[in-house]
Amino acid sequence: MIDTQLSNSRAQAAAILKAWGSNNLALLHRNLDAAAEEALATVADTGESERLEMLGAIAGKMRLLLDSDQLYSAARYLPMLRHLAAPAVAALEYAYNC
């Protein structure tokens, strides 16, 4: 169950990045809205809950910036989305090697 939940936050972050790269604003808006909604869902795993909360905050802020035609300001959140989209294994390996 945890793997599925973890994949959900990664998949949503990856979907936002893919929509950004495609220059499809309608798809980007849909993916941002879906991520913000998902952040409101209750998740048993604390780590995934925090990832979804962060993803929701990023998605909400990006949506506000895009609605205000501040594309370049919204782009500053892309590195955080890339981090959220990265496989959890890399994050765990990093944590154990510190």
PDB file of N, CA and C in Angstrom:
ATOM      1  N   MET A   1       0.822  -1.203   0.000  1.00  0.00           N
ATOM      2  CA  MET A   1       0.000   0.000   0.000  1.00  0.00           C
ATOM      3  C   MET A   1       0.858   1.256   0.000  1.00  0.00           C
ATOM      4  N   ILE A   2       1.918   1.266   0.778  1.00  0.00           N
ATOM      5  CA  ILE A   2       2.773   2.441   0.847  1.00  0.00           C
ATOM      6  C   ILE A   2       3.411   2.712  -0.503  1.00  0.00           C
ATOM      7  N   ASP A   3       3.860   1.661  -1.205  1.00  0.00           N
ATOM      8  CA  ASP A   3       4.465   1.857  -2.523  1.00  0.00           C
ATOM      9  C   ASP A   3       3.498   2.523  -3.480  1.00  0.00           C
ATOM     10  N   THR A   4       2.220   2.127  -3.440  1.00  0.00           N
ATOM     11  CA  THR A   4       1.215   2.724  -4.305  1.00  0.00           C
ATOM     12  C   THR A   4       1.023   4.189  -3.959  1.00  0.00           C
ATOM     13  N   GLN A   5       0.953   4.493  -2.674  1.00  0.00           N
ATOM     14  CA  GLN A   5       0.775   5.875  -2.252  1.00  0.00           C
ATOM     15  C   GLN A   5       1.982   6.717  -2.651  1.00  0.00           C
ATOM     16  N   LEU A   6       3.170   6.176  -2.430  1.00  0.00           N
ATOM     17  CA  LEU A   6       4.375   6.903  -2.769  1.00  0.00           C
ATOM     18  C   LEU A   6       4.441   7.145  -4.267  1.00  0.00           C
ATOM     19  N   SER A   7       4.052   6.157  -5.035  1.00  0.00           N
ATOM     20  CA  SER A   7       4.023   6.316  -6.481  1.00  0.00           C
ATOM     21  C   SER A   7       3.048   7.403  -6.895  1.00  0.00           C
ATOM     22  N   ASN A   8       1.978   7.587  -6.121  1.00  0.00           N
ATOM     23  CA  ASN A   8       0.985   8.591  -6.452  1.00  0.00           C
ATOM     24  C   ASN A   8       1.585   9.999  -6.410  1.00  0.00           C
ATOM     25  N   SER A   9       2.308  10.339  -5.374  1.00  0.00           N
ATOM     26  CA  SER A   9       2.904  11.676  -5.299  1.00  0.00           C
ATOM     27  C   SER A   9       3.960  11.848  -6.383  1.00  0.00           C
ATOM     28  N   ARG A  10       4.749  10.803  -6.611  1.00  0.00           N
ATOM     29  CA  ARG A  10       5.760  10.878  -7.681  1.00  0.00           C
ATOM     30  C   ARG A  10       5.095  11.026  -9.036  1.00  0.00           C
ATOM     31  N   ALA A  11       4.052  10.240  -9.265  1.00  0.00           N
ATOM     32  CA  ALA A  11       3.360  10.286 -10.553  1.00  0.00           C
ATOM     33  C   ALA A  11       2.740  11.650 -10.791  1.00  0.00           C
ATOM     34  N   GLN A  12       2.167  12.232  -9.767  1.00  0.00           N
ATOM     35  CA  GLN A  12       1.548  13.549  -9.940  1.00  0.00           C
ATOM     36  C   GLN A  12       2.595  14.621 -10.212  1.00  0.00           C
ATOM     37  N   ALA A  13       3.706  14.570  -9.492  1.00  0.00           N
ATOM     38  CA  ALA A  13       4.779  15.537  -9.739  1.00  0.00           C
ATOM     39  C   ALA A  13       5.309  15.374 -11.164  1.00  0.00           C
ATOM     40  N   ALA A  14       5.488  14.130 -11.592  1.00  0.00           N
ATOM     41  CA  ALA A  14       5.969  13.867 -12.956  1.00  0.00           C
ATOM     42  C   ALA A  14       4.967  14.343 -13.999  1.00  0.00           C
ATOM     43  N   ALA A  15       3.683  14.186 -13.718  1.00  0.00           N
ATOM     44  CA  ALA A  15       2.647  14.641 -14.664  1.00  0.00           C
ATOM     45  C   ALA A  15       2.677  16.157 -14.815  1.00  0.00           C
ATOM     46  N   ILE A  16       2.906  16.868 -13.716  1.00  0.00           N
ATOM     47  CA  ILE A  16       3.004  18.330 -13.782  1.00  0.00           C
ATOM     48  C   ILE A  16       4.217  18.723 -14.620  1.00  0.00           C
ATOM     49  N   LEU A  17       5.350  18.069 -14.371  1.00  0.00           N
ATOM     50  CA  LEU A  17       6.563  18.373 -15.143  1.00  0.00           C
ATOM     51  C   LEU A  17       6.370  18.086 -16.632  1.00  0.00           C
ATOM     52  N   LYS A  18       5.712  16.978 -16.931  1.00  0.00           N
ATOM     53  CA  LYS A  18       5.466  16.621 -18.334  1.00  0.00           C
ATOM     54  C   LYS A  18       4.557  17.654 -19.006  1.00  0.00           C
ATOM     55  N   ALA A  19       3.515  18.070 -18.308  1.00  0.00           N
ATOM     56  CA  ALA A  19       2.608  19.085 -18.853  1.00  0.00           C
ATOM     57  C   ALA A  19       3.344  20.404 -19.053  1.00  0.00           C
ATOM     58  N   TRP A  20       4.216  20.748 -18.124  1.00  0.00           N
ATOM     59  CA  TRP A  20       5.005  21.978 -18.247  1.00  0.00           C
ATOM     60  C   TRP A  20       5.855  21.912 -19.517  1.00  0.00           C
ATOM     61  N   GLY A  21       6.514  20.791 -19.704  1.00  0.00           N
ATOM     62  CA  GLY A  21       7.384  20.630 -20.866  1.00  0.00           C
ATOM     63  C   GLY A  21       6.642  20.604 -22.190  1.00  0.00           C
ATOM     64  N   SER A  22       5.370  20.223 -22.152  1.00  0.00           N
ATOM     65  CA  SER A  22       4.586  20.146 -23.384  1.00  0.00           C
ATOM     66  C   SER A  22       3.992  21.493 -23.793  1.00  0.00           C
ATOM     67  N   ASN A  23       4.082  22.475 -22.918  1.00  0.00           N
ATOM     68  CA  ASN A  23       3.480  23.799 -23.155  1.00  0.00           C
ATOM     69  C   ASN A  23       1.965  23.732 -23.317  1.00  0.00           C
ATOM     70  N   ASN A  24       1.353  22.698 -22.783  1.00  0.00           N
ATOM     71  CA  ASN A  24      -0.102  22.543 -22.824  1.00  0.00           C
ATOM     72  C   ASN A  24      -0.663  23.101 -21.519  1.00  0.00           C
ATOM     73  N   LEU A  25      -1.072  24.374 -21.545  1.00  0.00           N
ATOM     74  CA  LEU A  25      -1.523  25.033 -20.320  1.00  0.00           C
ATOM     75  C   LEU A  25      -2.783  24.412 -19.740  1.00  0.00           C
ATOM     76  N   ALA A  26      -3.685  23.937 -20.584  1.00  0.00           N
ATOM     77  CA  ALA A  26      -4.907  23.313 -20.072  1.00  0.00           C
ATOM     78  C   ALA A  26      -4.562  22.046 -19.292  1.00  0.00           C
ATOM     79  N   LEU A  27      -3.658  21.238 -19.837  1.00  0.00           N
ATOM     80  CA  LEU A  27      -3.225  20.028 -19.148  1.00  0.00           C
ATOM     81  C   LEU A  27      -2.470  20.381 -17.870  1.00  0.00           C
ATOM     82  N   LEU A  28      -1.632  21.389 -17.927  1.00  0.00           N
ATOM     83  CA  LEU A  28      -0.890  21.827 -16.753  1.00  0.00           C
ATOM     84  C   LEU A  28      -1.848  22.252 -15.642  1.00  0.00           C
ATOM     85  N   HIS A  29      -2.861  23.042 -15.993  1.00  0.00           N
ATOM     86  CA  HIS A  29      -3.852  23.486 -15.002  1.00  0.00           C
ATOM     87  C   HIS A  29      -4.588  22.288 -14.397  1.00  0.00           C
ATOM     88  N   ARG A  30      -4.963  21.322 -15.228  1.00  0.00           N
ATOM     89  CA  ARG A  30      -5.656  20.125 -14.711  1.00  0.00           C
ATOM     90  C   ARG A  30      -4.772  19.343 -13.751  1.00  0.00           C
ATOM     91  N   ASN A  31      -3.503  19.176 -14.116  1.00  0.00           N
ATOM     92  CA  ASN A  31      -2.589  18.435 -13.254  1.00  0.00           C
ATOM     93  C   ASN A  31      -2.299  19.173 -11.960  1.00  0.00           C
ATOM     94  N   LEU A  32      -2.183  20.486 -12.017  1.00  0.00           N
ATOM     95  CA  LEU A  32      -1.976  21.271 -10.803  1.00  0.00           C
ATOM     96  C   LEU A  32      -3.191  21.169  -9.885  1.00  0.00           C
ATOM     97  N   ASP A  33      -4.387  21.263 -10.475  1.00  0.00           N
ATOM     98  CA  ASP A  33      -5.615  21.146  -9.677  1.00  0.00           C
ATOM     99  C   ASP A  33      -5.742  19.769  -9.043  1.00  0.00           C
ATOM    100  N   ALA A  34      -5.399  18.727  -9.796  1.00  0.00           N
ATOM    101  CA  ALA A  34      -5.484  17.364  -9.266  1.00  0.00           C
ATOM    102  C   ALA A  34      -4.503  17.168  -8.111  1.00  0.00           C
ATOM    103  N   ALA A  35      -3.321  17.722  -8.233  1.00  0.00           N
ATOM    104  CA  ALA A  35      -2.326  17.598  -7.165  1.00  0.00           C
ATOM    105  C   ALA A  35      -2.759  18.352  -5.919  1.00  0.00           C
ATOM    106  N   ALA A  36      -3.337  19.528  -6.101  1.00  0.00           N
ATOM    107  CA  ALA A  36      -3.818  20.302  -4.950  1.00  0.00           C
ATOM    108  C   ALA A  36      -4.947  19.568  -4.244  1.00  0.00           C
ATOM    109  N   GLU A  37      -5.835  18.943  -5.010  1.00  0.00           N
ATOM    110  CA  GLU A  37      -6.934  18.170  -4.419  1.00  0.00           C
ATOM    111  C   GLU A  37      -6.418  16.948  -3.677  1.00  0.00           C
ATOM    112  N   GLU A  38      -5.459  16.264  -4.262  1.00  0.00           N
ATOM    113  CA  GLU A  38      -4.898  15.056  -3.650  1.00  0.00           C
ATOM    114  C   GLU A  38      -4.239  15.371  -2.316  1.00  0.00           C
ATOM    115  N   ALA A  39      -3.691  16.565  -2.193  1.00  0.00           N
ATOM    116  CA  ALA A  39      -3.029  16.952  -0.951  1.00  0.00           C
ATOM    117  C   ALA A  39      -4.012  16.991   0.217  1.00  0.00           C
ATOM    118  N   LEU A  40      -5.280  17.140  -0.062  1.00  0.00           N
ATOM    119  CA  LEU A  40      -6.297  17.181   0.979  1.00  0.00           C
ATOM    120  C   LEU A  40      -6.700  15.800   1.462  1.00  0.00           C
ATOM    121  N   ALA A  41      -6.321  14.764   0.718  1.00  0.00           N
ATOM    122  CA  ALA A  41      -6.694  13.393   1.075  1.00  0.00           C
ATOM    123  C   ALA A  41      -5.909  12.931   2.304  1.00  0.00           C
ATOM    124  N   THR A  42      -6.524  12.094   3.090  1.00  0.00           N
ATOM    125  CA  THR A  42      -5.872  11.533   4.264  1.00  0.00           C
ATOM    126  C   THR A  42      -5.055  10.318   3.841  1.00  0.00           C
ATOM    127  N   VAL A  43      -3.800  10.307   4.229  1.00  0.00           N
ATOM    128  CA  VAL A  43      -2.889   9.219   3.894  1.00  0.00           C
ATOM    129  C   VAL A  43      -2.292   8.695   5.196  1.00  0.00           C
ATOM    130  N   ALA A  44      -2.282   7.396   5.356  1.00  0.00           N
ATOM    131  CA  ALA A  44      -1.785   6.791   6.592  1.00  0.00           C
ATOM    132  C   ALA A  44      -0.278   6.983   6.759  1.00  0.00           C
ATOM    133  N   ASP A  45       0.481   6.897   5.685  1.00  0.00           N
ATOM    134  CA  ASP A  45       1.928   7.017   5.749  1.00  0.00           C
ATOM    135  C   ASP A  45       2.324   8.481   5.919  1.00  0.00           C
ATOM    136  N   THR A  46       3.035   8.784   6.997  1.00  0.00           N
ATOM    137  CA  THR A  46       3.416  10.167   7.302  1.00  0.00           C
ATOM    138  C   THR A  46       4.318  10.760   6.229  1.00  0.00           C
ATOM    139  N   GLY A  47       5.277   9.978   5.745  1.00  0.00           N
ATOM    140  CA  GLY A  47       6.185  10.487   4.710  1.00  0.00           C
ATOM    141  C   GLY A  47       5.441  10.868   3.443  1.00  0.00           C
ATOM    142  N   GLU A  48       4.525  10.014   3.027  1.00  0.00           N
ATOM    143  CA  GLU A  48       3.754  10.310   1.817  1.00  0.00           C
ATOM    144  C   GLU A  48       2.803  11.471   2.066  1.00  0.00           C
ATOM    145  N   SER A  49       2.266  11.539   3.254  1.00  0.00           N
ATOM    146  CA  SER A  49       1.379  12.648   3.607  1.00  0.00           C
ATOM    147  C   SER A  49       2.125  13.977   3.472  1.00  0.00           C
ATOM    148  N   GLU A  50       3.360  14.014   3.948  1.00  0.00           N
ATOM    149  CA  GLU A  50       4.167  15.233   3.840  1.00  0.00           C
ATOM    150  C   GLU A  50       4.497  15.550   2.385  1.00  0.00           C
ATOM    151  N   ARG A  51       4.782  14.516   1.596  1.00  0.00           N
ATOM    152  CA  ARG A  51       5.070  14.730   0.173  1.00  0.00           C
ATOM    153  C   ARG A  51       3.843  15.304  -0.530  1.00  0.00           C
ATOM    154  N   LEU A  52       2.672  14.757  -0.230  1.00  0.00           N
ATOM    155  CA  LEU A  52       1.437  15.245  -0.852  1.00  0.00           C
ATOM    156  C   LEU A  52       1.123  16.669  -0.403  1.00  0.00           C
ATOM    157  N   GLU A  53       1.380  16.968   0.865  1.00  0.00           N
ATOM    158  CA  GLU A  53       1.149  18.325   1.360  1.00  0.00           C
ATOM    159  C   GLU A  53       2.052  19.319   0.636  1.00  0.00           C
ATOM    160  N   MET A  54       3.331  18.962   0.480  1.00  0.00           N
ATOM    161  CA  MET A  54       4.262  19.833  -0.235  1.00  0.00           C
ATOM    162  C   MET A  54       3.841  19.981  -1.697  1.00  0.00           C
ATOM    163  N   LEU A  55       3.475  18.869  -2.317  1.00  0.00           N
ATOM    164  CA  LEU A  55       3.038  18.895  -3.706  1.00  0.00           C
ATOM    165  C   LEU A  55       1.806  19.787  -3.872  1.00  0.00           C
ATOM    166  N   GLY A  56       0.870  19.683  -2.942  1.00  0.00           N
ATOM    167  CA  GLY A  56      -0.327  20.520  -2.991  1.00  0.00           C
ATOM    168  C   GLY A  56      -0.009  21.997  -2.870  1.00  0.00           C
ATOM    169  N   ALA A  57       0.923  22.327  -1.969  1.00  0.00           N
ATOM    170  CA  ALA A  57       1.311  23.728  -1.798  1.00  0.00           C
ATOM    171  C   ALA A  57       1.998  24.264  -3.049  1.00  0.00           C
ATOM    172  N   ILE A  58       2.883  23.466  -3.614  1.00  0.00           N
ATOM    173  CA  ILE A  58       3.569  23.867  -4.847  1.00  0.00           C
ATOM    174  C   ILE A  58       2.568  24.043  -5.973  1.00  0.00           C
ATOM    175  N   ALA A  59       1.667  23.086  -6.120  1.00  0.00           N
ATOM    176  CA  ALA A  59       0.664  23.149  -7.197  1.00  0.00           C
ATOM    177  C   ALA A  59      -0.227  24.377  -7.038  1.00  0.00           C
ATOM    178  N   GLY A  60      -0.655  24.650  -5.824  1.00  0.00           N
ATOM    179  CA  GLY A  60      -1.504  25.817  -5.591  1.00  0.00           C
ATOM    180  C   GLY A  60      -0.796  27.118  -5.923  1.00  0.00           C
ATOM    181  N   LYS A  61       0.456  27.233  -5.503  1.00  0.00           N
ATOM    182  CA  LYS A  61       1.219  28.450  -5.780  1.00  0.00           C
ATOM    183  C   LYS A  61       1.484  28.598  -7.273  1.00  0.00           C
ATOM    184  N   MET A  62       1.842  27.487  -7.932  1.00  0.00           N
ATOM    185  CA  MET A  62       2.077  27.570  -9.373  1.00  0.00           C
ATOM    186  C   MET A  62       0.812  27.979 -10.111  1.00  0.00           C
ATOM    187  N   ARG A  63      -0.322  27.446  -9.686  1.00  0.00           N
ATOM    188  CA  ARG A  63      -1.594  27.787 -10.343  1.00  0.00           C
ATOM    189  C   ARG A  63      -1.886  29.281 -10.198  1.00  0.00           C
ATOM    190  N   LEU A  64      -1.673  29.830  -9.012  1.00  0.00           N
ATOM    191  CA  LEU A  64      -1.879  31.266  -8.810  1.00  0.00           C
ATOM    192  C   LEU A  64      -0.952  32.096  -9.694  1.00  0.00           C
ATOM    193  N   LEU A  65       0.295  31.692  -9.774  1.00  0.00           N
ATOM    194  CA  LEU A  65       1.253  32.424 -10.600  1.00  0.00           C
ATOM    195  C   LEU A  65       0.900  32.330 -12.080  1.00  0.00           C
ATOM    196  N   LEU A  66       0.504  31.145 -12.526  1.00  0.00           N
ATOM    197  CA  LEU A  66       0.120  31.000 -13.935  1.00  0.00           C
ATOM    198  C   LEU A  66      -1.131  31.798 -14.253  1.00  0.00           C
ATOM    199  N   ASP A  67      -2.076  31.832 -13.320  1.00  0.00           N
ATOM    200  CA  ASP A  67      -3.292  32.624 -13.527  1.00  0.00           C
ATOM    201  C   ASP A  67      -2.990  34.118 -13.603  1.00  0.00           C
ATOM    202  N   SER A  68      -1.866  34.525 -13.023  1.00  0.00           N
ATOM    203  CA  SER A  68      -1.438  35.925 -13.062  1.00  0.00           C
ATOM    204  C   SER A  68      -0.418  36.175 -14.164  1.00  0.00           C
ATOM    205  N   ASP A  69      -0.280  35.224 -15.089  1.00  0.00           N
ATOM    206  CA  ASP A  69       0.669  35.319 -16.206  1.00  0.00           C
ATOM    207  C   ASP A  69       2.111  35.506 -15.739  1.00  0.00           C
ATOM    208  N   GLN A  70       2.470  34.857 -14.637  1.00  0.00           N
ATOM    209  CA  GLN A  70       3.834  34.925 -14.107  1.00  0.00           C
ATOM    210  C   GLN A  70       4.530  33.582 -14.336  1.00  0.00           C
ATOM    211  N   LEU A  71       4.697  33.245 -15.597  1.00  0.00           N
ATOM    212  CA  LEU A  71       5.265  31.961 -15.986  1.00  0.00           C
ATOM    213  C   LEU A  71       6.666  31.759 -15.415  1.00  0.00           C
ATOM    214  N   TYR A  72       7.499  32.787 -15.498  1.00  0.00           N
ATOM    215  CA  TYR A  72       8.872  32.647 -15.018  1.00  0.00           C
ATOM    216  C   TYR A  72       8.928  32.465 -13.511  1.00  0.00           C
ATOM    217  N   SER A  73       8.025  33.094 -12.792  1.00  0.00           N
ATOM    218  CA  SER A  73       7.971  32.903 -11.338  1.00  0.00           C
ATOM    219  C   SER A  73       7.514  31.491 -10.998  1.00  0.00           C
ATOM    220  N   ALA A  74       6.580  30.955 -11.779  1.00  0.00           N
ATOM    221  CA  ALA A  74       6.116  29.590 -11.550  1.00  0.00           C
ATOM    222  C   ALA A  74       7.232  28.580 -11.816  1.00  0.00           C
ATOM    223  N   ALA A  75       8.112  28.905 -12.732  1.00  0.00           N
ATOM    224  CA  ALA A  75       9.200  27.991 -13.097  1.00  0.00           C
ATOM    225  C   ALA A  75      10.162  27.735 -11.944  1.00  0.00           C
ATOM    226  N   ARG A  76      10.218  28.614 -10.970  1.00  0.00           N
ATOM    227  CA  ARG A  76      11.152  28.403  -9.861  1.00  0.00           C
ATOM    228  C   ARG A  76      10.776  27.193  -9.007  1.00  0.00           C
ATOM    229  N   TYR A  77       9.554  26.673  -9.179  1.00  0.00           N
ATOM    230  CA  TYR A  77       9.122  25.497  -8.423  1.00  0.00           C
ATOM    231  C   TYR A  77       9.466  24.178  -9.130  1.00  0.00           C
ATOM    232  N   LEU A  78       9.973  24.254 -10.333  1.00  0.00           N
ATOM    233  CA  LEU A  78      10.302  23.043 -11.091  1.00  0.00           C
ATOM    234  C   LEU A  78      11.348  22.157 -10.400  1.00  0.00           C
ATOM    235  N   PRO A  79      12.405  22.723  -9.799  1.00  0.00           N
ATOM    236  CA  PRO A  79      13.364  21.840  -9.109  1.00  0.00           C
ATOM    237  C   PRO A  79      12.726  21.044  -7.962  1.00  0.00           C
ATOM    238  N   MET A  80      11.809  21.659  -7.237  1.00  0.00           N
ATOM    239  CA  MET A  80      11.136  20.931  -6.163  1.00  0.00           C
ATOM    240  C   MET A  80      10.252  19.828  -6.717  1.00  0.00           C
ATOM    241  N   LEU A  81       9.603  20.090  -7.843  1.00  0.00           N
ATOM    242  CA  LEU A  81       8.792  19.053  -8.480  1.00  0.00           C
ATOM    243  C   LEU A  81       9.673  17.904  -8.963  1.00  0.00           C
ATOM    244  N   ARG A  82      10.836  18.227  -9.499  1.00  0.00           N
ATOM    245  CA  ARG A  82      11.758  17.180  -9.938  1.00  0.00           C
ATOM    246  C   ARG A  82      12.178  16.314  -8.752  1.00  0.00           C
ATOM    247  N   HIS A  83      12.394  16.947  -7.619  1.00  0.00           N
ATOM    248  CA  HIS A  83      12.752  16.201  -6.412  1.00  0.00           C
ATOM    249  C   HIS A  83      11.609  15.271  -6.001  1.00  0.00           C
ATOM    250  N   LEU A  84      10.393  15.771  -6.024  1.00  0.00           N
ATOM    251  CA  LEU A  84       9.241  14.950  -5.645  1.00  0.00           C
ATOM    252  C   LEU A  84       8.997  13.832  -6.647  1.00  0.00           C
ATOM    253  N   ALA A  85       9.349  14.066  -7.886  1.00  0.00           N
ATOM    254  CA  ALA A  85       9.138  13.049  -8.927  1.00  0.00           C
ATOM    255  C   ALA A  85      10.220  11.973  -8.915  1.00  0.00           C
ATOM    256  N   ALA A  86      11.326  12.235  -8.225  1.00  0.00           N
ATOM    257  CA  ALA A  86      12.434  11.274  -8.188  1.00  0.00           C
ATOM    258  C   ALA A  86      12.041  10.031  -7.398  1.00  0.00           C
ATOM    259  N   PRO A  87      12.583   8.900  -7.768  1.00  0.00           N
ATOM    260  CA  PRO A  87      12.279   7.660  -7.033  1.00  0.00           C
ATOM    261  C   PRO A  87      12.676   7.766  -5.564  1.00  0.00           C
ATOM    262  N   ALA A  88      11.868   7.200  -4.717  1.00  0.00           N
ATOM    263  CA  ALA A  88      12.109   7.243  -3.271  1.00  0.00           C
ATOM    264  C   ALA A  88      13.371   6.483  -2.896  1.00  0.00           C
ATOM    265  N   VAL A  89      13.750   5.510  -3.687  1.00  0.00           N
ATOM    266  CA  VAL A  89      14.936   4.712  -3.384  1.00  0.00           C
ATOM    267  C   VAL A  89      16.167   5.611  -3.304  1.00  0.00           C
ATOM    268  N   ALA A  90      16.281   6.551  -4.211  1.00  0.00           N
ATOM    269  CA  ALA A  90      17.425   7.459  -4.198  1.00  0.00           C
ATOM    270  C   ALA A  90      17.433   8.282  -2.917  1.00  0.00           C
ATOM    271  N   ALA A  91      16.274   8.725  -2.475  1.00  0.00           N
ATOM    272  CA  ALA A  91      16.187   9.501  -1.239  1.00  0.00           C
ATOM    273  C   ALA A  91      16.556   8.646  -0.038  1.00  0.00           C
ATOM    274  N   LEU A  92      16.116   7.406  -0.024  1.00  0.00           N
ATOM    275  CA  LEU A  92      16.460   6.508   1.085  1.00  0.00           C
ATOM    276  C   LEU A  92      17.943   6.193   1.103  1.00  0.00           C
ATOM    277  N   GLU A  93      18.521   5.951  -0.062  1.00  0.00           N
ATOM    278  CA  GLU A  93      19.956   5.693  -0.119  1.00  0.00           C
ATOM    279  C   GLU A  93      20.735   6.883   0.397  1.00  0.00           C
ATOM    280  N   TYR A  94      20.311   8.068   0.045  1.00  0.00           N
ATOM    281  CA  TYR A  94      20.965   9.272   0.526  1.00  0.00           C
ATOM    282  C   TYR A  94      20.863   9.367   2.050  1.00  0.00           C
ATOM    283  N   ALA A  95      19.684   9.116   2.591  1.00  0.00           N
ATOM    284  CA  ALA A  95      19.475   9.197   4.037  1.00  0.00           C
ATOM    285  C   ALA A  95      20.352   8.205   4.786  1.00  0.00           C
ATOM    286  N   TYR A  96      20.488   6.996   4.257  1.00  0.00           N
ATOM    287  CA  TYR A  96      21.291   5.983   4.935  1.00  0.00           C
ATOM    288  C   TYR A  96      22.788   6.243   4.810  1.00  0.00           C
ATOM    289  N   ASN A  97      23.198   6.979   3.802  1.00  0.00           N
ATOM    290  CA  ASN A  97      24.617   7.259   3.595  1.00  0.00           C
ATOM    291  C   ASN A  97      25.097   8.517   4.302  1.00  0.00           C
ATOM    292  N   CYS A  98      24.178   9.251   4.896  1.00  0.00           N
ATOM    293  CA  CYS A  98      24.565  10.487   5.598  1.00  0.00           C
ATOM    294  C   CYS A  98      25.149  10.191   6.963  1.00  0.00           C
TER     295      CYS A  98
END
